[in-house]
Amino acid sequence: MKVRSVRHRGLRQLLSYDNPRFLPQDLTDRVRKILTALILAGSMDDFAANAPRGWRVHRLSGDRQKQWSISVSSNWRITFEEENGFIDRLDLEDYH
């Protein structure tokens, strides 16, 4: 899938310049693995079916029902919207 828009500055720097400077250092390796798997996936169905259980891939609910969430650590999540193989509004969020 292709990333079309990124909200989080650290994710943008990592994807554009391979620069993890604006990401929490303890999350960098896991974020790289998740983004790599997400970009290489043919579709969200493929990604969700093959993702490790610990990533807890799921669609959000309520007013965010168009978004997906992937667990990075206990309180950090990668969130995004997916449409026709494009990833939009890619973000790294602290849920607490």
C-alpha atoms as a PDB file:
ATOM      1  CA  MET A   1       0.000   0.000   0.000  1.00  0.00           C
ATOM      2  CA  LYS A   2       1.139   3.558  -0.571  1.00  0.00           C
ATOM      3  CA  VAL A   3       1.354   6.276   2.065  1.00  0.00           C
ATOM      4  CA  ARG A   4      -0.377   9.376   0.750  1.00  0.00           C
ATOM      5  CA  SER A   5      -0.393  11.655   3.811  1.00  0.00           C
ATOM      6  CA  VAL A   6       1.351  11.682   7.201  1.00  0.00           C
ATOM      7  CA  ARG A   7       0.270  13.745  10.207  1.00  0.00           C
ATOM      8  CA  HIS A   8       3.054  12.894  12.675  1.00  0.00           C
ATOM      9  CA  ARG A   9       6.327  14.754  12.128  1.00  0.00           C
ATOM     10  CA  GLY A  10       8.468  11.830  13.313  1.00  0.00           C
ATOM     11  CA  LEU A  11       6.785   9.356  10.975  1.00  0.00           C
ATOM     12  CA  ARG A  12       7.156  11.806   8.087  1.00  0.00           C
ATOM     13  CA  GLN A  13      10.900  12.180   8.772  1.00  0.00           C
ATOM     14  CA  LEU A  14      11.326   8.422   9.094  1.00  0.00           C
ATOM     15  CA  LEU A  15       9.513   7.664   5.839  1.00  0.00           C
ATOM     16  CA  SER A  16      11.024  10.514   3.810  1.00  0.00           C
ATOM     17  CA  TYR A  17      14.606  10.631   5.090  1.00  0.00           C
ATOM     18  CA  ASP A  18      15.041   7.475   7.220  1.00  0.00           C
ATOM     19  CA  ASN A  19      15.558   9.867  10.145  1.00  0.00           C
ATOM     20  CA  PRO A  20      14.100   8.610  13.480  1.00  0.00           C
ATOM     21  CA  ARG A  21      15.100  11.762  15.397  1.00  0.00           C
ATOM     22  CA  PHE A  22      11.537  12.874  16.163  1.00  0.00           C
ATOM     23  CA  LEU A  23      10.321   9.465  17.368  1.00  0.00           C
ATOM     24  CA  PRO A  24      10.634   8.096  20.901  1.00  0.00           C
ATOM     25  CA  GLN A  25      13.863   6.099  20.760  1.00  0.00           C
ATOM     26  CA  ASP A  26      12.390   3.006  22.404  1.00  0.00           C
ATOM     27  CA  LEU A  27       9.674   2.795  19.708  1.00  0.00           C
ATOM     28  CA  THR A  28      11.790   3.234  16.583  1.00  0.00           C
ATOM     29  CA  ASP A  29      12.460  -0.440  15.775  1.00  0.00           C
ATOM     30  CA  ARG A  30       8.856  -1.513  16.212  1.00  0.00           C
ATOM     31  CA  VAL A  31       7.554   1.479  14.229  1.00  0.00           C
ATOM     32  CA  ARG A  32       9.917   0.564  11.376  1.00  0.00           C
ATOM     33  CA  LYS A  33       8.653  -3.041  11.355  1.00  0.00           C
ATOM     34  CA  ILE A  34       5.012  -1.981  11.351  1.00  0.00           C
ATOM     35  CA  LEU A  35       5.477   0.597   8.593  1.00  0.00           C
ATOM     36  CA  THR A  36       7.452  -1.854   6.463  1.00  0.00           C
ATOM     37  CA  ALA A  37       4.759  -4.524   6.777  1.00  0.00           C
ATOM     38  CA  LEU A  38       2.021  -1.974   6.105  1.00  0.00           C
ATOM     39  CA  ILE A  39       3.672  -0.616   2.958  1.00  0.00           C
ATOM     40  CA  LEU A  40       4.465  -4.097   1.606  1.00  0.00           C
ATOM     41  CA  ALA A  41       0.934  -5.394   2.210  1.00  0.00           C
ATOM     42  CA  GLY A  42      -1.280  -5.715  -0.840  1.00  0.00           C
ATOM     43  CA  SER A  43      -4.395  -4.691   1.086  1.00  0.00           C
ATOM     44  CA  MET A  44      -5.649  -4.044   4.613  1.00  0.00           C
ATOM     45  CA  ASP A  45      -7.194  -7.512   4.632  1.00  0.00           C
ATOM     46  CA  ASP A  46      -3.776  -9.060   3.882  1.00  0.00           C
ATOM     47  CA  PHE A  47      -2.081  -6.888   6.473  1.00  0.00           C
ATOM     48  CA  ALA A  48      -4.616  -7.604   9.232  1.00  0.00           C
ATOM     49  CA  ALA A  49      -4.581 -11.345   8.508  1.00  0.00           C
ATOM     50  CA  ASN A  50      -0.774 -11.618   8.619  1.00  0.00           C
ATOM     51  CA  ALA A  51       0.089  -9.126  11.374  1.00  0.00           C
ATOM     52  CA  PRO A  52       1.427 -10.535  14.658  1.00  0.00           C
ATOM     53  CA  ARG A  53      -1.242 -10.756  17.393  1.00  0.00           C
ATOM     54  CA  GLY A  54       0.710  -8.306  19.554  1.00  0.00           C
ATOM     55  CA  TRP A  55       0.094  -5.524  17.046  1.00  0.00           C
ATOM     56  CA  ARG A  56      -3.651  -5.698  17.824  1.00  0.00           C
ATOM     57  CA  VAL A  57      -4.732  -4.426  14.391  1.00  0.00           C
ATOM     58  CA  HIS A  58      -8.325  -3.235  14.480  1.00  0.00           C
ATOM     59  CA  ARG A  59     -10.716  -0.658  13.142  1.00  0.00           C
ATOM     60  CA  LEU A  60     -11.695   2.101  15.554  1.00  0.00           C
ATOM     61  CA  SER A  61     -15.295   2.864  16.451  1.00  0.00           C
ATOM     62  CA  GLY A  62     -17.539   5.864  16.997  1.00  0.00           C
ATOM     63  CA  ASP A  63     -16.523   9.074  15.280  1.00  0.00           C
ATOM     64  CA  ARG A  64     -13.223   7.444  14.225  1.00  0.00           C
ATOM     65  CA  GLN A  65     -14.733   4.391  12.528  1.00  0.00           C
ATOM     66  CA  LYS A  66     -12.884   5.077   9.268  1.00  0.00           C
ATOM     67  CA  GLN A  67      -9.523   4.715  11.033  1.00  0.00           C
ATOM     68  CA  TRP A  68      -7.372   1.696  11.788  1.00  0.00           C
ATOM     69  CA  SER A  69      -5.173   1.269  14.859  1.00  0.00           C
ATOM     70  CA  ILE A  70      -1.980  -0.750  15.356  1.00  0.00           C
ATOM     71  CA  SER A  71      -0.403  -1.137  18.789  1.00  0.00           C
ATOM     72  CA  VAL A  72       3.222  -0.025  19.009  1.00  0.00           C
ATOM     73  CA  SER A  73       3.601  -0.269  22.797  1.00  0.00           C
ATOM     74  CA  SER A  74       1.378  -0.179  25.847  1.00  0.00           C
ATOM     75  CA  ASN A  75       0.073   3.340  25.172  1.00  0.00           C
ATOM     76  CA  TRP A  76       1.367   4.233  21.689  1.00  0.00           C
ATOM     77  CA  ARG A  77      -0.657   3.487  18.534  1.00  0.00           C
ATOM     78  CA  ILE A  78      -0.175   4.031  14.838  1.00  0.00           C
ATOM     79  CA  THR A  79      -3.498   5.206  13.407  1.00  0.00           C
ATOM     80  CA  PHE A  80      -4.498   5.858   9.810  1.00  0.00           C
ATOM     81  CA  GLU A  81      -7.260   5.743   7.256  1.00  0.00           C
ATOM     82  CA  GLU A  82      -7.058   3.349   4.310  1.00  0.00           C
ATOM     83  CA  GLU A  83      -8.879   3.688   1.030  1.00  0.00           C
ATOM     84  CA  ASN A  84      -8.227   1.831  -2.234  1.00  0.00           C
ATOM     85  CA  GLY A  85      -4.699   0.829  -1.203  1.00  0.00           C
ATOM     86  CA  PHE A  86      -3.708   4.306  -0.002  1.00  0.00           C
ATOM     87  CA  ILE A  87      -2.835   5.184   3.579  1.00  0.00           C
ATOM     88  CA  ASP A  88      -3.958   8.642   4.679  1.00  0.00           C
ATOM     89  CA  ARG A  89      -3.515  10.634   7.886  1.00  0.00           C
ATOM     90  CA  LEU A  90      -0.817   8.299   9.217  1.00  0.00           C
ATOM     91  CA  ASP A  91      -0.246   9.241  12.843  1.00  0.00           C
ATOM     92  CA  LEU A  92       1.547   8.099  15.989  1.00  0.00           C
ATOM     93  CA  GLU A  93      -0.637   8.715  19.023  1.00  0.00           C
ATOM     94  CA  ASP A  94      -0.160   8.433  22.768  1.00  0.00           C
ATOM     95  CA  TYR A  95      -3.512   7.077  24.000  1.00  0.00           C
ATOM     96  CA  HIS A  96      -2.891   8.010  27.644  1.00  0.00           C
END
